[in-house]
Amino acid sequence: MTQTVAVLGTGKIGEALLSGMIRAGWRPADLLVTTRRSDRAQELHTRYGVESVTNAEAAKNADILILAVKPQDMGKLLDELAPHVTADRLVISAAAGITTAFIEDRLTPGTPVVRVMPNTPVLVDEGMSVISAGSHATGTHLAAAEEIFGGVGKTLRVPESQQDAATALSGSGPAYFYFLVEAMTDAGILLGLPRAQAHDLIVQAAIGAAVMLRDSGEHPVKLREAVTSPAGTTISAIRELENHGVRAALIAALEAARDRSRALASGNG
């Protein structure tokens, strides 16, 4: 934690990383941020005690640069950084669909780049961040990224060729659960429950099921079977889900998300 880290683009995800690093022991004096607005810079300084700098100053002074801008802003940002980033810097990209090759081609040859796909639960320290090495990144660089993103959840290393699949499963994953909760809440209302009660019942069921999946080590089939009594209510519901092709729809949905991630990565946005 003796290195200086700059978060470039301190929106919700960038601020979550900043907050997580400080809780993990990073000194505010070793952290820099870049923002588009002066009021946002003052807000972050008041909240975390960090200094706001320009993108060029961040590139000159930080050992690690975290690029947390929107994908469509990445090209312009790299143009600003390129004259100032030397090959001894570590560049970490948290922008969806941006490949390490895209970044490497625009920076000093040999610059180590690590690609990270976080998801929105990093905002509550329950994120999943999928980490891949660029062509010049070493295990030490990956460990540095894990230290940073580990402060806001779990991390997983994968080859970059698997990033599109990870984006479909993990990056977009929370949205599928929100969609399911929304549908189940509507069903609860149809069955006669007030919306607030239906919501609370479903959210707690989701939390409990997730904890059991995480802590029990059991296969999801076994956990489902433990709830599914012969000729009971659960098997009746499962039969309807199968009759309506929910399993096939989920597989098709994730394939579509993967394909869209590939299109974005290839520049066919």
C-alpha atoms as a PDB file:
ATOM      1  CA  MET A   1       0.000   0.000   0.000  1.00  0.00           C
ATOM      2  CA  THR A   2       2.962   2.316  -0.504  1.00  0.00           C
ATOM      3  CA  GLN A   3       2.016   2.991  -4.109  1.00  0.00           C
ATOM      4  CA  THR A   4      -0.045   5.909  -5.357  1.00  0.00           C
ATOM      5  CA  VAL A   5      -3.329   4.970  -7.008  1.00  0.00           C
ATOM      6  CA  ALA A   6      -5.425   7.241  -9.205  1.00  0.00           C
ATOM      7  CA  VAL A   7      -9.085   6.558  -9.956  1.00  0.00           C
ATOM      8  CA  LEU A   8      -9.922   8.181 -13.273  1.00  0.00           C
ATOM      9  CA  GLY A   9     -13.646   8.710 -13.570  1.00  0.00           C
ATOM     10  CA  THR A  10     -15.013   8.672 -10.039  1.00  0.00           C
ATOM     11  CA  GLY A  11     -18.660   7.794 -10.608  1.00  0.00           C
ATOM     12  CA  LYS A  12     -20.498   5.194  -8.550  1.00  0.00           C
ATOM     13  CA  ILE A  13     -18.115   2.327  -9.294  1.00  0.00           C
ATOM     14  CA  GLY A  14     -15.029   4.519  -8.995  1.00  0.00           C
ATOM     15  CA  GLU A  15     -16.182   5.902  -5.660  1.00  0.00           C
ATOM     16  CA  ALA A  16     -16.995   2.406  -4.402  1.00  0.00           C
ATOM     17  CA  LEU A  17     -13.403   1.355  -5.175  1.00  0.00           C
ATOM     18  CA  LEU A  18     -12.068   4.483  -3.500  1.00  0.00           C
ATOM     19  CA  SER A  19     -14.120   3.826  -0.381  1.00  0.00           C
ATOM     20  CA  GLY A  20     -13.107   0.164  -0.326  1.00  0.00           C
ATOM     21  CA  MET A  21      -9.409   0.987  -0.580  1.00  0.00           C
ATOM     22  CA  ILE A  22      -9.602   3.429   2.315  1.00  0.00           C
ATOM     23  CA  ARG A  23     -11.409   0.876   4.486  1.00  0.00           C
ATOM     24  CA  ALA A  24      -8.740  -1.673   3.538  1.00  0.00           C
ATOM     25  CA  GLY A  25      -6.000   0.631   4.841  1.00  0.00           C
ATOM     26  CA  TRP A  26      -4.940   2.819   1.936  1.00  0.00           C
ATOM     27  CA  ARG A  27      -4.025   6.337   3.030  1.00  0.00           C
ATOM     28  CA  PRO A  28      -6.035   9.146   1.399  1.00  0.00           C
ATOM     29  CA  ALA A  29      -2.695  10.847   0.741  1.00  0.00           C
ATOM     30  CA  ASP A  30      -1.797   7.957  -1.585  1.00  0.00           C
ATOM     31  CA  LEU A  31      -5.032   8.184  -3.551  1.00  0.00           C
ATOM     32  CA  LEU A  32      -5.871  10.555  -6.394  1.00  0.00           C
ATOM     33  CA  VAL A  33      -9.143  11.076  -8.252  1.00  0.00           C
ATOM     34  CA  THR A  34     -10.187  12.744 -11.476  1.00  0.00           C
ATOM     35  CA  THR A  35     -13.640  14.228 -12.021  1.00  0.00           C
ATOM     36  CA  ARG A  36     -15.385  16.321 -14.636  1.00  0.00           C
ATOM     37  CA  ARG A  37     -16.925  18.782 -12.174  1.00  0.00           C
ATOM     38  CA  SER A  38     -15.328  20.871  -9.446  1.00  0.00           C
ATOM     39  CA  ASP A  39     -18.263  20.315  -7.067  1.00  0.00           C
ATOM     40  CA  ARG A  40     -17.793  16.552  -7.397  1.00  0.00           C
ATOM     41  CA  ALA A  41     -14.077  16.947  -6.646  1.00  0.00           C
ATOM     42  CA  GLN A  42     -14.901  18.937  -3.507  1.00  0.00           C
ATOM     43  CA  GLU A  43     -17.473  16.343  -2.477  1.00  0.00           C
ATOM     44  CA  LEU A  44     -14.912  13.522  -2.712  1.00  0.00           C
ATOM     45  CA  HIS A  45     -12.309  15.575  -0.854  1.00  0.00           C
ATOM     46  CA  THR A  46     -14.755  16.294   1.960  1.00  0.00           C
ATOM     47  CA  ARG A  47     -15.896  12.683   2.167  1.00  0.00           C
ATOM     48  CA  TYR A  48     -12.559  10.881   1.799  1.00  0.00           C
ATOM     49  CA  GLY A  49      -9.793  13.467   2.080  1.00  0.00           C
ATOM     50  CA  VAL A  50      -8.436  12.667  -1.388  1.00  0.00           C
ATOM     51  CA  GLU A  51      -6.923  15.114  -3.856  1.00  0.00           C
ATOM     52  CA  SER A  52      -8.528  15.751  -7.252  1.00  0.00           C
ATOM     53  CA  VAL A  53      -6.146  16.156 -10.202  1.00  0.00           C
ATOM     54  CA  THR A  54      -6.278  16.288 -13.983  1.00  0.00           C
ATOM     55  CA  ASN A  55      -5.953  13.120 -16.042  1.00  0.00           C
ATOM     56  CA  ALA A  56      -2.461  14.174 -17.135  1.00  0.00           C
ATOM     57  CA  GLU A  57      -1.376  14.802 -13.531  1.00  0.00           C
ATOM     58  CA  ALA A  58      -2.736  11.410 -12.503  1.00  0.00           C
ATOM     59  CA  ALA A  59      -0.738   9.730 -15.273  1.00  0.00           C
ATOM     60  CA  LYS A  60       2.435  11.514 -14.207  1.00  0.00           C
ATOM     61  CA  ASN A  61       2.160  10.907 -10.463  1.00  0.00           C
ATOM     62  CA  ALA A  62       0.335   7.623  -9.867  1.00  0.00           C
ATOM     63  CA  ASP A  63       1.870   4.159  -9.922  1.00  0.00           C
ATOM     64  CA  ILE A  64      -1.494   2.541 -10.654  1.00  0.00           C
ATOM     65  CA  LEU A  65      -4.170   4.051 -12.890  1.00  0.00           C
ATOM     66  CA  ILE A  66      -7.717   2.726 -12.586  1.00  0.00           C
ATOM     67  CA  LEU A  67      -9.728   3.658 -15.670  1.00  0.00           C
ATOM     68  CA  ALA A  68     -13.336   3.735 -14.461  1.00  0.00           C
ATOM     69  CA  VAL A  69     -14.851   5.781 -17.272  1.00  0.00           C
ATOM     70  CA  LYS A  70     -17.662   4.738 -19.588  1.00  0.00           C
ATOM     71  CA  PRO A  71     -16.544   2.601 -22.557  1.00  0.00           C
ATOM     72  CA  GLN A  72     -17.421   5.313 -25.067  1.00  0.00           C
ATOM     73  CA  ASP A  73     -15.091   7.735 -23.244  1.00  0.00           C
ATOM     74  CA  MET A  74     -12.096   5.405 -23.158  1.00  0.00           C
ATOM     75  CA  GLY A  75     -10.519   6.461 -26.477  1.00  0.00           C
ATOM     76  CA  LYS A  76     -10.493  10.136 -25.554  1.00  0.00           C
ATOM     77  CA  LEU A  77      -9.095   9.381 -22.097  1.00  0.00           C
ATOM     78  CA  LEU A  78      -6.275   7.262 -23.506  1.00  0.00           C
ATOM     79  CA  ASP A  79      -5.359  10.078 -25.885  1.00  0.00           C
ATOM     80  CA  GLU A  80      -4.931  12.331 -22.846  1.00  0.00           C
ATOM     81  CA  LEU A  81      -2.918   9.757 -20.915  1.00  0.00           C
ATOM     82  CA  ALA A  82      -0.653   8.440 -23.669  1.00  0.00           C
ATOM     83  CA  PRO A  83       2.019  11.185 -23.564  1.00  0.00           C
ATOM     84  CA  HIS A  84       2.436  10.754 -19.801  1.00  0.00           C
ATOM     85  CA  VAL A  85       2.111   7.009 -19.094  1.00  0.00           C
ATOM     86  CA  THR A  86       5.432   5.198 -18.901  1.00  0.00           C
ATOM     87  CA  ALA A  87       5.842   1.445 -19.089  1.00  0.00           C
ATOM     88  CA  ASP A  88       6.448   1.153 -15.336  1.00  0.00           C
ATOM     89  CA  ARG A  89       2.838   2.146 -14.621  1.00  0.00           C
ATOM     90  CA  LEU A  90       0.055  -0.379 -14.075  1.00  0.00           C
ATOM     91  CA  VAL A  91      -3.157   0.430 -15.937  1.00  0.00           C
ATOM     92  CA  ILE A  92      -6.350  -1.237 -14.726  1.00  0.00           C
ATOM     93  CA  SER A  93      -9.455  -0.908 -16.885  1.00  0.00           C
ATOM     94  CA  ALA A  94     -12.915  -1.332 -15.385  1.00  0.00           C
ATOM     95  CA  ALA A  95     -14.731  -0.366 -18.586  1.00  0.00           C
ATOM     96  CA  ALA A  96     -17.039  -3.015 -20.042  1.00  0.00           C
ATOM     97  CA  GLY A  97     -16.071  -4.415 -23.432  1.00  0.00           C
ATOM     98  CA  ILE A  98     -12.702  -2.649 -23.675  1.00  0.00           C
ATOM     99  CA  THR A  99      -9.919  -5.138 -24.409  1.00  0.00           C
ATOM    100  CA  THR A 100      -6.414  -4.919 -23.030  1.00  0.00           C
ATOM    101  CA  ALA A 101      -5.116  -4.821 -26.630  1.00  0.00           C
ATOM    102  CA  PHE A 102      -7.190  -1.685 -27.305  1.00  0.00           C
ATOM    103  CA  ILE A 103      -5.492   0.034 -24.365  1.00  0.00           C
ATOM    104  CA  GLU A 104      -2.003  -1.352 -25.004  1.00  0.00           C
ATOM    105  CA  ASP A 105      -2.058  -0.125 -28.600  1.00  0.00           C
ATOM    106  CA  ARG A 106      -2.599   3.443 -27.399  1.00  0.00           C
ATOM    107  CA  LEU A 107      -0.003   3.564 -24.623  1.00  0.00           C
ATOM    108  CA  THR A 108       3.768   3.199 -24.350  1.00  0.00           C
ATOM    109  CA  PRO A 109       4.846  -0.239 -25.624  1.00  0.00           C
ATOM    110  CA  GLY A 110       5.231  -2.692 -22.764  1.00  0.00           C
ATOM    111  CA  THR A 111       2.747  -0.981 -20.431  1.00  0.00           C
ATOM    112  CA  PRO A 112       1.073  -3.626 -18.236  1.00  0.00           C
ATOM    113  CA  VAL A 113      -2.716  -3.578 -18.516  1.00  0.00           C
ATOM    114  CA  VAL A 114      -5.208  -5.540 -16.415  1.00  0.00           C
ATOM    115  CA  ARG A 115      -8.859  -5.792 -17.418  1.00  0.00           C
ATOM    116  CA  VAL A 116     -11.481  -6.025 -14.678  1.00  0.00           C
ATOM    117  CA  MET A 117     -15.244  -6.584 -15.033  1.00  0.00           C
ATOM    118  CA  PRO A 118     -16.900  -5.638 -11.729  1.00  0.00           C
ATOM    119  CA  ASN A 119     -20.637  -5.703 -11.101  1.00  0.00           C
ATOM    120  CA  THR A 120     -22.817  -3.226  -9.251  1.00  0.00           C
ATOM    121  CA  PRO A 121     -22.862  -5.037  -5.875  1.00  0.00           C
ATOM    122  CA  VAL A 122     -19.380  -3.550  -5.362  1.00  0.00           C
ATOM    123  CA  LEU A 123     -21.473  -0.621  -4.093  1.00  0.00           C
ATOM    124  CA  VAL A 124     -22.359  -2.734  -1.024  1.00  0.00           C
ATOM    125  CA  ASP A 125     -19.039  -4.621  -0.779  1.00  0.00           C
ATOM    126  CA  GLU A 126     -20.557  -7.786  -2.277  1.00  0.00           C
ATOM    127  CA  GLY A 127     -19.252  -7.415  -5.794  1.00  0.00           C
ATOM    128  CA  MET A 128     -17.722  -9.981  -8.117  1.00  0.00           C
ATOM    129  CA  SER A 129     -14.794  -8.669 -10.141  1.00  0.00           C
ATOM    130  CA  VAL A 130     -13.418 -10.804 -12.966  1.00  0.00           C
ATOM    131  CA  ILE A 131      -9.742 -10.085 -13.658  1.00  0.00           C
ATOM    132  CA  SER A 132      -7.666 -10.781 -16.780  1.00  0.00           C
ATOM    133  CA  ALA A 133      -4.063 -10.001 -17.658  1.00  0.00           C
ATOM    134  CA  GLY A 134      -2.993  -8.160 -20.772  1.00  0.00           C
ATOM    135  CA  SER A 135       0.055  -9.261 -22.741  1.00  0.00           C
ATOM    136  CA  HIS A 136       2.526  -7.413 -20.470  1.00  0.00           C
ATOM    137  CA  ALA A 137       0.845  -7.957 -17.089  1.00  0.00           C
ATOM    138  CA  THR A 138       2.431 -10.345 -14.583  1.00  0.00           C
ATOM    139  CA  GLY A 139       1.162 -12.164 -11.526  1.00  0.00           C
ATOM    140  CA  THR A 140       2.299  -9.204  -9.434  1.00  0.00           C
ATOM    141  CA  HIS A 141       0.082  -6.880 -11.473  1.00  0.00           C
ATOM    142  CA  LEU A 142      -2.881  -9.222 -11.117  1.00  0.00           C
ATOM    143  CA  ALA A 143      -2.303  -9.388  -7.360  1.00  0.00           C
ATOM    144  CA  ALA A 144      -2.354  -5.581  -7.194  1.00  0.00           C
ATOM    145  CA  ALA A 145      -5.720  -5.528  -8.971  1.00  0.00           C
ATOM    146  CA  GLU A 146      -7.030  -8.220  -6.632  1.00  0.00           C
ATOM    147  CA  GLU A 147      -5.946  -6.188  -3.605  1.00  0.00           C
ATOM    148  CA  ILE A 148      -7.895  -3.175  -4.837  1.00  0.00           C
ATOM    149  CA  PHE A 149     -11.063  -4.906  -6.012  1.00  0.00           C
ATOM    150  CA  GLY A 150     -10.993  -7.396  -3.133  1.00  0.00           C
ATOM    151  CA  GLY A 151     -11.948  -4.506  -0.866  1.00  0.00           C
ATOM    152  CA  VAL A 152     -15.436  -4.415  -2.408  1.00  0.00           C
ATOM    153  CA  GLY A 153     -16.178  -8.125  -2.820  1.00  0.00           C
ATOM    154  CA  LYS A 154     -14.639 -11.208  -4.381  1.00  0.00           C
ATOM    155  CA  THR A 155     -12.315 -11.535  -7.363  1.00  0.00           C
ATOM    156  CA  LEU A 156     -11.721 -14.247  -9.931  1.00  0.00           C
ATOM    157  CA  ARG A 157      -8.913 -14.553 -12.472  1.00  0.00           C
ATOM    158  CA  VAL A 158      -9.876 -15.743 -15.950  1.00  0.00           C
ATOM    159  CA  PRO A 159      -8.195 -15.650 -19.374  1.00  0.00           C
ATOM    160  CA  GLU A 160      -9.334 -12.584 -21.289  1.00  0.00           C
ATOM    161  CA  SER A 161     -10.980 -14.872 -23.849  1.00  0.00           C
ATOM    162  CA  GLN A 162     -13.535 -15.700 -21.128  1.00  0.00           C
ATOM    163  CA  GLN A 163     -14.346 -12.080 -20.247  1.00  0.00           C
ATOM    164  CA  ASP A 164     -17.401 -11.925 -22.526  1.00  0.00           C
ATOM    165  CA  ALA A 165     -18.890 -15.011 -20.867  1.00  0.00           C
ATOM    166  CA  ALA A 166     -18.078 -13.602 -17.424  1.00  0.00           C
ATOM    167  CA  THR A 167     -19.757 -10.334 -18.386  1.00  0.00           C
ATOM    168  CA  ALA A 168     -22.913 -12.235 -19.345  1.00  0.00           C
ATOM    169  CA  LEU A 169     -22.955 -14.214 -16.103  1.00  0.00           C
ATOM    170  CA  SER A 170     -21.546 -11.822 -13.524  1.00  0.00           C
ATOM    171  CA  GLY A 171     -21.424  -8.305 -14.921  1.00  0.00           C
ATOM    172  CA  SER A 172     -25.044  -8.445 -16.084  1.00  0.00           C
ATOM    173  CA  GLY A 173     -26.032 -11.088 -13.528  1.00  0.00           C
ATOM    174  CA  PRO A 174     -27.576  -8.826 -10.868  1.00  0.00           C
ATOM    175  CA  ALA A 175     -30.076  -7.512 -13.428  1.00  0.00           C
ATOM    176  CA  TYR A 176     -31.439 -11.018 -13.999  1.00  0.00           C
ATOM    177  CA  PHE A 177     -32.129 -11.418 -10.288  1.00  0.00           C
ATOM    178  CA  TYR A 178     -33.786  -8.005 -10.094  1.00  0.00           C
ATOM    179  CA  PHE A 179     -35.945  -9.004 -13.055  1.00  0.00           C
ATOM    180  CA  LEU A 180     -36.889 -12.265 -11.297  1.00  0.00           C
ATOM    181  CA  VAL A 181     -37.723 -10.451  -8.051  1.00  0.00           C
ATOM    182  CA  GLU A 182     -39.864  -7.987 -10.008  1.00  0.00           C
ATOM    183  CA  ALA A 183     -41.809 -10.835 -11.649  1.00  0.00           C
ATOM    184  CA  MET A 184     -42.222 -12.734  -8.368  1.00  0.00           C
ATOM    185  CA  THR A 185     -43.430  -9.577  -6.626  1.00  0.00           C
ATOM    186  CA  ASP A 186     -46.094  -9.143  -9.293  1.00  0.00           C
ATOM    187  CA  ALA A 187     -47.068 -12.776  -8.786  1.00  0.00           C
ATOM    188  CA  GLY A 188     -47.341 -12.202  -5.036  1.00  0.00           C
ATOM    189  CA  ILE A 189     -49.689  -9.282  -5.658  1.00  0.00           C
ATOM    190  CA  LEU A 190     -51.764 -11.455  -7.991  1.00  0.00           C
ATOM    191  CA  LEU A 191     -51.979 -14.039  -5.210  1.00  0.00           C
ATOM    192  CA  GLY A 192     -53.343 -11.415  -2.803  1.00  0.00           C
ATOM    193  CA  LEU A 193     -50.307 -10.108  -0.911  1.00  0.00           C
ATOM    194  CA  PRO A 194     -49.554  -6.395  -0.482  1.00  0.00           C
ATOM    195  CA  ARG A 195     -46.585  -5.279  -2.599  1.00  0.00           C
ATOM    196  CA  ALA A 196     -44.356  -4.465   0.384  1.00  0.00           C
ATOM    197  CA  GLN A 197     -44.958  -7.860   1.996  1.00  0.00           C
ATOM    198  CA  ALA A 198     -44.398  -9.723  -1.270  1.00  0.00           C
ATOM    199  CA  HIS A 199     -41.147  -7.818  -1.802  1.00  0.00           C
ATOM    200  CA  ASP A 200     -39.856  -8.547   1.721  1.00  0.00           C
ATOM    201  CA  LEU A 201     -40.704 -12.249   1.447  1.00  0.00           C
ATOM    202  CA  ILE A 202     -38.923 -12.627  -1.885  1.00  0.00           C
ATOM    203  CA  VAL A 203     -35.829 -10.586  -0.970  1.00  0.00           C
ATOM    204  CA  GLN A 204     -35.268 -12.562   2.233  1.00  0.00           C
ATOM    205  CA  ALA A 205     -35.796 -15.838   0.372  1.00  0.00           C
ATOM    206  CA  ALA A 206     -33.174 -14.698  -2.157  1.00  0.00           C
ATOM    207  CA  ILE A 207     -30.684 -13.721   0.556  1.00  0.00           C
ATOM    208  CA  GLY A 208     -31.187 -16.972   2.439  1.00  0.00           C
ATOM    209  CA  ALA A 209     -30.857 -19.076  -0.716  1.00  0.00           C
ATOM    210  CA  ALA A 210     -27.692 -17.226  -1.741  1.00  0.00           C
ATOM    211  CA  VAL A 211     -26.083 -17.741   1.663  1.00  0.00           C
ATOM    212  CA  MET A 212     -26.954 -21.445   1.584  1.00  0.00           C
ATOM    213  CA  LEU A 213     -25.452 -21.774  -1.900  1.00  0.00           C
ATOM    214  CA  ARG A 214     -22.300 -19.983  -0.760  1.00  0.00           C
ATOM    215  CA  ASP A 215     -21.806 -21.652   2.628  1.00  0.00           C
ATOM    216  CA  SER A 216     -23.182 -25.171   2.274  1.00  0.00           C
ATOM    217  CA  GLY A 217     -21.004 -26.298  -0.616  1.00  0.00           C
ATOM    218  CA  GLU A 218     -23.975 -28.251  -1.933  1.00  0.00           C
ATOM    219  CA  HIS A 219     -24.927 -28.446  -5.599  1.00  0.00           C
ATOM    220  CA  PRO A 220     -27.977 -26.258  -6.364  1.00  0.00           C
ATOM    221  CA  VAL A 221     -29.878 -29.342  -7.535  1.00  0.00           C
ATOM    222  CA  LYS A 222     -29.508 -30.922  -4.098  1.00  0.00           C
ATOM    223  CA  LEU A 223     -30.634 -27.744  -2.342  1.00  0.00           C
ATOM    224  CA  ARG A 224     -33.639 -27.472  -4.651  1.00  0.00           C
ATOM    225  CA  GLU A 225     -34.558 -31.106  -4.088  1.00  0.00           C
ATOM    226  CA  ALA A 226     -34.531 -30.486  -0.322  1.00  0.00           C
ATOM    227  CA  VAL A 227     -37.384 -28.011  -0.827  1.00  0.00           C
ATOM    228  CA  THR A 228     -39.260 -30.141  -3.368  1.00  0.00           C
ATOM    229  CA  SER A 229     -41.592 -32.584  -1.587  1.00  0.00           C
ATOM    230  CA  PRO A 230     -43.425 -35.284  -3.564  1.00  0.00           C
ATOM    231  CA  ALA A 231     -46.727 -33.949  -4.950  1.00  0.00           C
ATOM    232  CA  GLY A 232     -46.114 -30.674  -3.118  1.00  0.00           C
ATOM    233  CA  THR A 233     -46.334 -27.001  -3.951  1.00  0.00           C
ATOM    234  CA  THR A 234     -42.736 -26.574  -5.103  1.00  0.00           C
ATOM    235  CA  ILE A 235     -42.766 -29.355  -7.691  1.00  0.00           C
ATOM    236  CA  SER A 236     -45.986 -27.945  -9.116  1.00  0.00           C
ATOM    237  CA  ALA A 237     -44.241 -24.595  -9.589  1.00  0.00           C
ATOM    238  CA  ILE A 238     -41.097 -26.219 -11.031  1.00  0.00           C
ATOM    239  CA  ARG A 239     -43.232 -28.107 -13.568  1.00  0.00           C
ATOM    240  CA  GLU A 240     -44.720 -24.827 -14.788  1.00  0.00           C
ATOM    241  CA  LEU A 241     -41.272 -23.226 -15.065  1.00  0.00           C
ATOM    242  CA  GLU A 242     -40.098 -26.162 -17.182  1.00  0.00           C
ATOM    243  CA  ASN A 243     -43.299 -26.125 -19.273  1.00  0.00           C
ATOM    244  CA  HIS A 244     -42.695 -22.463 -20.074  1.00  0.00           C
ATOM    245  CA  GLY A 245     -39.067 -23.051 -21.043  1.00  0.00           C
ATOM    246  CA  VAL A 246     -37.541 -20.872 -18.327  1.00  0.00           C
ATOM    247  CA  ARG A 247     -34.271 -22.846 -18.311  1.00  0.00           C
ATOM    248  CA  ALA A 248     -33.903 -22.555 -22.092  1.00  0.00           C
ATOM    249  CA  ALA A 249     -34.803 -18.855 -21.944  1.00  0.00           C
ATOM    250  CA  LEU A 250     -32.062 -18.191 -19.378  1.00  0.00           C
ATOM    251  CA  ILE A 251     -29.467 -19.969 -21.507  1.00  0.00           C
ATOM    252  CA  ALA A 252     -30.547 -17.987 -24.572  1.00  0.00           C
ATOM    253  CA  ALA A 253     -30.472 -14.741 -22.582  1.00  0.00           C
ATOM    254  CA  LEU A 254     -26.902 -15.315 -21.401  1.00  0.00           C
ATOM    255  CA  GLU A 255     -25.788 -16.237 -24.910  1.00  0.00           C
ATOM    256  CA  ALA A 256     -27.298 -12.950 -26.149  1.00  0.00           C
ATOM    257  CA  ALA A 257     -25.467 -11.004 -23.430  1.00  0.00           C
ATOM    258  CA  ARG A 258     -22.185 -12.726 -24.323  1.00  0.00           C
ATOM    259  CA  ASP A 259     -22.658 -11.969 -28.010  1.00  0.00           C
ATOM    260  CA  ARG A 260     -23.396  -8.326 -27.264  1.00  0.00           C
ATOM    261  CA  SER A 261     -20.264  -8.104 -25.147  1.00  0.00           C
ATOM    262  CA  ARG A 262     -18.249  -9.501 -28.054  1.00  0.00           C
ATOM    263  CA  ALA A 263     -19.779  -6.952 -30.402  1.00  0.00           C
ATOM    264  CA  LEU A 264     -18.925  -4.093 -28.070  1.00  0.00           C
ATOM    265  CA  ALA A 265     -15.364  -5.369 -27.648  1.00  0.00           C
ATOM    266  CA  SER A 266     -14.900  -5.504 -31.414  1.00  0.00           C
ATOM    267  CA  GLY A 267     -16.156  -1.956 -31.827  1.00  0.00           C
ATOM    268  CA  ASN A 268     -19.482  -2.910 -33.380  1.00  0.00           C
ATOM    269  CA  GLY A 269     -21.481  -0.914 -30.861  1.00  0.00           C
END
